[in-house]
């Protein structure tokens, strides 16, 4: 009857494969879309600015201006919350 020899590298490889599988499963769960949440009764959902391309950050200045950063590197500024047309404040694209 043949004897099986288990090398330490084989055990290490099994450990790596199992770890990679667990990591893949965890990433799959994290990437799943979350269900939409409902707003509390006192809140309203309203679109304020349109025509933006992948906005990533918003900052409100004390003088009422609203700065919106887009993923491309453009920073646009609206004169107020009621303004409909932004101007380019900075272009950080390379």
Protein backbone atom coordinates (compact mmCIF):
# COMPACT_ATOMS: atom_id res chain seq x y z
CA UNK A 1 0.00 0.00 0.00
CA UNK A 2 1.51 3.37 -1.00
CA UNK A 3 2.20 5.95 1.66
CA UNK A 4 1.15 9.51 0.99
CA UNK A 5 3.62 12.23 1.81
CA UNK A 6 2.27 15.70 2.51
CA UNK A 7 4.77 18.43 1.96
CA UNK A 8 4.57 21.69 3.94
CA UNK A 9 4.24 23.59 0.63
CA UNK A 10 1.05 21.65 -0.14
CA UNK A 11 -0.47 22.60 3.22
CA UNK A 12 0.52 26.22 2.64
CA UNK A 13 -1.00 26.16 -0.84
CA UNK A 14 -4.28 24.75 0.51
CA UNK A 15 -4.33 27.48 3.14
CA UNK A 16 -3.81 30.14 0.44
CA UNK A 17 -6.53 28.74 -1.80
CA UNK A 18 -9.02 28.62 1.07
CA UNK A 19 -8.06 32.18 2.11
CA UNK A 20 -8.48 33.42 -1.46
CA UNK A 21 -11.88 31.74 -1.67
CA UNK A 22 -13.04 33.33 1.57
CA UNK A 23 -11.77 36.71 0.41
CA UNK A 24 -13.60 36.36 -2.91
CA UNK A 25 -16.82 35.44 -1.10
CA UNK A 26 -16.48 38.42 1.26
CA UNK A 27 -15.85 40.83 -1.63
CA UNK A 28 -18.88 39.46 -3.48
CA UNK A 29 -21.08 40.14 -0.47
CA UNK A 30 -19.67 43.65 -0.06
CA UNK A 31 -20.17 44.46 -3.74
CA UNK A 32 -23.84 43.47 -3.68
CA UNK A 33 -26.12 46.52 -4.01
CA UNK A 34 -27.77 47.63 -0.83
CA UNK A 35 -31.53 47.99 -0.76
CA UNK A 36 -32.86 51.54 -0.94
CA UNK A 37 -33.71 53.05 2.40
CA UNK A 38 -36.82 55.07 3.00
CA UNK A 39 -36.52 58.61 4.32
CA UNK A 40 -37.93 59.57 7.72
CA UNK A 41 -41.34 61.30 7.51
CA UNK A 42 -39.90 64.82 8.03
CA UNK A 43 -37.42 64.54 5.13
CA UNK A 44 -37.90 65.14 1.40
CA UNK A 45 -35.86 63.83 -1.51
CA UNK A 46 -35.34 66.61 -4.05
CA UNK A 47 -32.87 67.05 -6.92
CA UNK A 48 -31.16 70.43 -6.58
CA UNK A 49 -28.48 70.35 -9.31
CA UNK A 50 -28.60 68.54 -12.65
CA UNK A 51 -26.16 68.13 -15.51
CA UNK A 52 -23.26 66.98 -13.35
CA UNK A 53 -20.99 64.13 -14.41
CA UNK A 54 -20.20 61.70 -11.60
CA UNK A 55 -20.21 64.17 -8.67
CA UNK A 56 -18.08 62.95 -5.78
CA UNK A 57 -18.09 65.77 -3.20
CA UNK A 58 -20.10 68.84 -2.27
CA UNK A 59 -18.99 71.80 -0.16
CA UNK A 60 -21.04 74.78 0.99
CA UNK A 61 -19.32 78.17 1.33
CA UNK A 62 -20.41 80.70 3.95
CA UNK A 63 -21.38 83.17 1.19
CA UNK A 64 -23.96 80.71 -0.23
CA UNK A 65 -21.92 79.25 -3.09
CA UNK A 66 -21.97 75.49 -3.61
CA UNK A 67 -18.87 73.69 -4.87
CA UNK A 68 -19.25 70.31 -6.56
CA UNK A 69 -16.27 68.10 -7.40
CA UNK A 70 -16.63 65.69 -10.29
CA UNK A 71 -14.71 62.46 -10.67
CA UNK A 72 -12.98 63.77 -13.81
CA UNK A 73 -11.23 66.51 -11.82
CA UNK A 74 -13.52 69.44 -12.55
CA UNK A 75 -14.71 71.56 -9.64
CA UNK A 76 -17.86 73.46 -10.49
CA UNK A 77 -19.42 76.24 -8.46
CA UNK A 78 -23.06 77.24 -8.26
CA UNK A 79 -23.82 80.80 -7.09
CA UNK A 80 -26.52 79.50 -4.72
CA UNK A 81 -28.80 76.54 -4.11
CA UNK A 82 -31.29 78.06 -6.56
CA UNK A 83 -28.71 78.59 -9.35
CA UNK A 84 -29.16 76.30 -12.35
CA UNK A 85 -25.92 76.86 -14.28
CA UNK A 86 -22.50 76.22 -12.75
CA UNK A 87 -19.19 77.76 -13.72
CA UNK A 88 -15.92 75.86 -13.70
CA UNK A 89 -14.03 76.89 -10.58
CA UNK A 90 -10.97 74.66 -11.14
CA UNK A 91 -9.84 72.12 -13.72
CA UNK A 92 -7.61 69.47 -12.11
CA UNK A 93 -7.68 67.05 -15.01
CA UNK A 94 -4.30 65.90 -16.28
